[in-house]
C-alpha atoms as a PDB file:
ATOM      1  CA  MET A   1      15.214 -28.481   6.341  1.00  0.00           C
ATOM      2  CA  THR A   2      14.581 -32.014   7.200  1.00  0.00           C
ATOM      3  CA  HIS A   3      15.559 -33.656   9.627  1.00  0.00           C
ATOM      4  CA  THR A   4      16.050 -37.265   9.424  1.00  0.00           C
ATOM      5  CA  ALA A   5      13.338 -38.260  12.747  1.00  0.00           C
ATOM      6  CA  ASP A   6      10.331 -36.540  10.783  1.00  0.00           C
ATOM      7  CA  ARG A   7       7.492 -38.425   9.698  1.00  0.00           C
ATOM      8  CA  LEU A   8       7.332 -38.911   6.202  1.00  0.00           C
ATOM      9  CA  LEU A   9       3.425 -38.414   5.393  1.00  0.00           C
ATOM     10  CA  THR A  10       1.752 -40.032   2.068  1.00  0.00           C
ATOM     11  CA  VAL A  11       0.078 -38.549  -0.653  1.00  0.00           C
ATOM     12  CA  ASP A  12      -3.302 -39.786   1.295  1.00  0.00           C
ATOM     13  CA  GLU A  13      -2.429 -38.437   4.789  1.00  0.00           C
ATOM     14  CA  THR A  14      -1.423 -35.365   3.502  1.00  0.00           C
ATOM     15  CA  ALA A  15      -4.828 -34.248   2.110  1.00  0.00           C
ATOM     16  CA  GLU A  16      -6.035 -35.158   4.982  1.00  0.00           C
ATOM     17  CA  ARG A  17      -3.954 -32.852   7.425  1.00  0.00           C
ATOM     18  CA  LEU A  18      -4.643 -30.435   4.892  1.00  0.00           C
ATOM     19  CA  GLY A  19      -8.303 -31.013   3.809  1.00  0.00           C
ATOM     20  CA  THR A  20      -8.234 -30.973   0.013  1.00  0.00           C
ATOM     21  CA  GLY A  21      -7.522 -33.775  -2.347  1.00  0.00           C
ATOM     22  CA  VAL A  22      -5.380 -35.995  -3.166  1.00  0.00           C
ATOM     23  CA  ARG A  23      -6.017 -33.781  -7.022  1.00  0.00           C
ATOM     24  CA  PHE A  24      -4.953 -30.973  -4.622  1.00  0.00           C
ATOM     25  CA  VAL A  25      -2.022 -32.300  -3.186  1.00  0.00           C
ATOM     26  CA  ARG A  26      -0.975 -34.360  -6.459  1.00  0.00           C
ATOM     27  CA  ARG A  27      -0.716 -31.221  -7.880  1.00  0.00           C
ATOM     28  CA  LEU A  28       1.437 -29.236  -5.317  1.00  0.00           C
ATOM     29  CA  VAL A  29       4.512 -32.342  -6.208  1.00  0.00           C
ATOM     30  CA  SER A  30       4.053 -31.863  -9.811  1.00  0.00           C
ATOM     31  CA  GLU A  31       4.365 -28.181  -9.632  1.00  0.00           C
ATOM     32  CA  ARG A  32       7.211 -28.966  -7.320  1.00  0.00           C
ATOM     33  CA  ARG A  33       5.464 -26.138  -4.777  1.00  0.00           C
ATOM     34  CA  ILE A  34       5.519 -28.412  -1.891  1.00  0.00           C
ATOM     35  CA  ALA A  35       9.262 -30.500  -1.258  1.00  0.00           C
ATOM     36  CA  PHE A  36       8.646 -34.237  -2.150  1.00  0.00           C
ATOM     37  CA  VAL A  37      10.346 -37.110  -1.049  1.00  0.00           C
ATOM     38  CA  LYS A  38      10.533 -40.054  -3.637  1.00  0.00           C
ATOM     39  CA  VAL A  39      10.744 -43.504  -2.264  1.00  0.00           C
ATOM     40  CA  GLY A  40      11.043 -46.147  -5.233  1.00  0.00           C
ATOM     41  CA  ARG A  41       7.944 -45.029  -6.761  1.00  0.00           C
ATOM     42  CA  HIS A  42       6.047 -43.629  -4.322  1.00  0.00           C
ATOM     43  CA  VAL A  43       5.500 -39.969  -2.713  1.00  0.00           C
ATOM     44  CA  ARG A  44       5.793 -38.833   0.398  1.00  0.00           C
ATOM     45  CA  VAL A  45       5.640 -35.580   2.360  1.00  0.00           C
ATOM     46  CA  SER A  46       8.069 -34.635   5.433  1.00  0.00           C
ATOM     47  CA  ASP A  47       5.400 -33.725   9.398  1.00  0.00           C
ATOM     48  CA  SER A  48       8.115 -30.689   8.818  1.00  0.00           C
ATOM     49  CA  VAL A  49       7.467 -29.543   5.547  1.00  0.00           C
ATOM     50  CA  LEU A  50       3.879 -30.048   5.605  1.00  0.00           C
ATOM     51  CA  THR A  51       4.141 -27.605   8.413  1.00  0.00           C
ATOM     52  CA  ALA A  52       6.446 -24.625   6.592  1.00  0.00           C
ATOM     53  CA  TYR A  53       3.741 -25.047   3.522  1.00  0.00           C
ATOM     54  CA  ILE A  54       0.982 -23.999   6.424  1.00  0.00           C
ATOM     55  CA  GLU A  55       2.800 -21.659   7.514  1.00  0.00           C
ATOM     56  CA  ALA A  56       4.028 -19.991   4.405  1.00  0.00           C
ATOM     57  CA  HIS A  57       0.695 -19.922   3.380  1.00  0.00           C
ATOM     58  CA  THR A  58      -1.409 -18.844   5.778  1.00  0.00           C
ATOM     59  CA  VAL A  59      -3.137 -15.234   6.044  1.00  0.00           C
ATOM     60  CA  GLN A  60      -2.980 -13.018   9.107  1.00  0.00           C
ATOM     61  CA  PRO A  61      -6.441 -10.847   9.146  1.00  0.00           C
ATOM     62  CA  VAL A  62      -6.257  -7.704   8.734  1.00  0.00           C
ATOM     63  CA  ARG A  63      -7.073  -5.246  11.523  1.00  0.00           C
ATOM     64  CA  ARG A  64      -9.441  -2.483  10.580  1.00  0.00           C
ATOM     65  CA  VAL A  65     -10.206   0.734  12.688  1.00  0.00           C
ATOM     66  CA  ARG A  66     -13.172   1.229  12.780  1.00  0.00           C
ATOM     67  CA  SER A  67     -14.280   5.473  12.426  1.00  0.00           C
ATOM     68  CA  ASP A  68     -16.827   7.325  13.081  1.00  0.00           C
ATOM     69  CA  TYR A  69     -17.916   7.931   9.386  1.00  0.00           C
ATOM     70  CA  GLY A  70     -20.508   6.840   8.643  1.00  0.00           C
ATOM     71  CA  ARG A  71     -22.369   6.646  11.837  1.00  0.00           C
ATOM     72  CA  ALA A  72     -25.885   7.550  11.701  1.00  0.00           C
ATOM     73  CA  ALA A  73     -26.355  10.762  14.552  1.00  0.00           C
END
């Protein structure tokens, strides 16, 4: 699903974009929870793969229906 025109991000860049530490990204890679590219001994994450990962793990808020129960008169 990745395109050849996608930018390959380093582990540091991936961590910065996720707002996490490098260690978290390395754990995602080692547990095969995110697709990655091996360039020699270096690990790279495609920009589109990271975007898809973020979208897949985004939790939508639950909209509560307000009720009149529990309100003081």
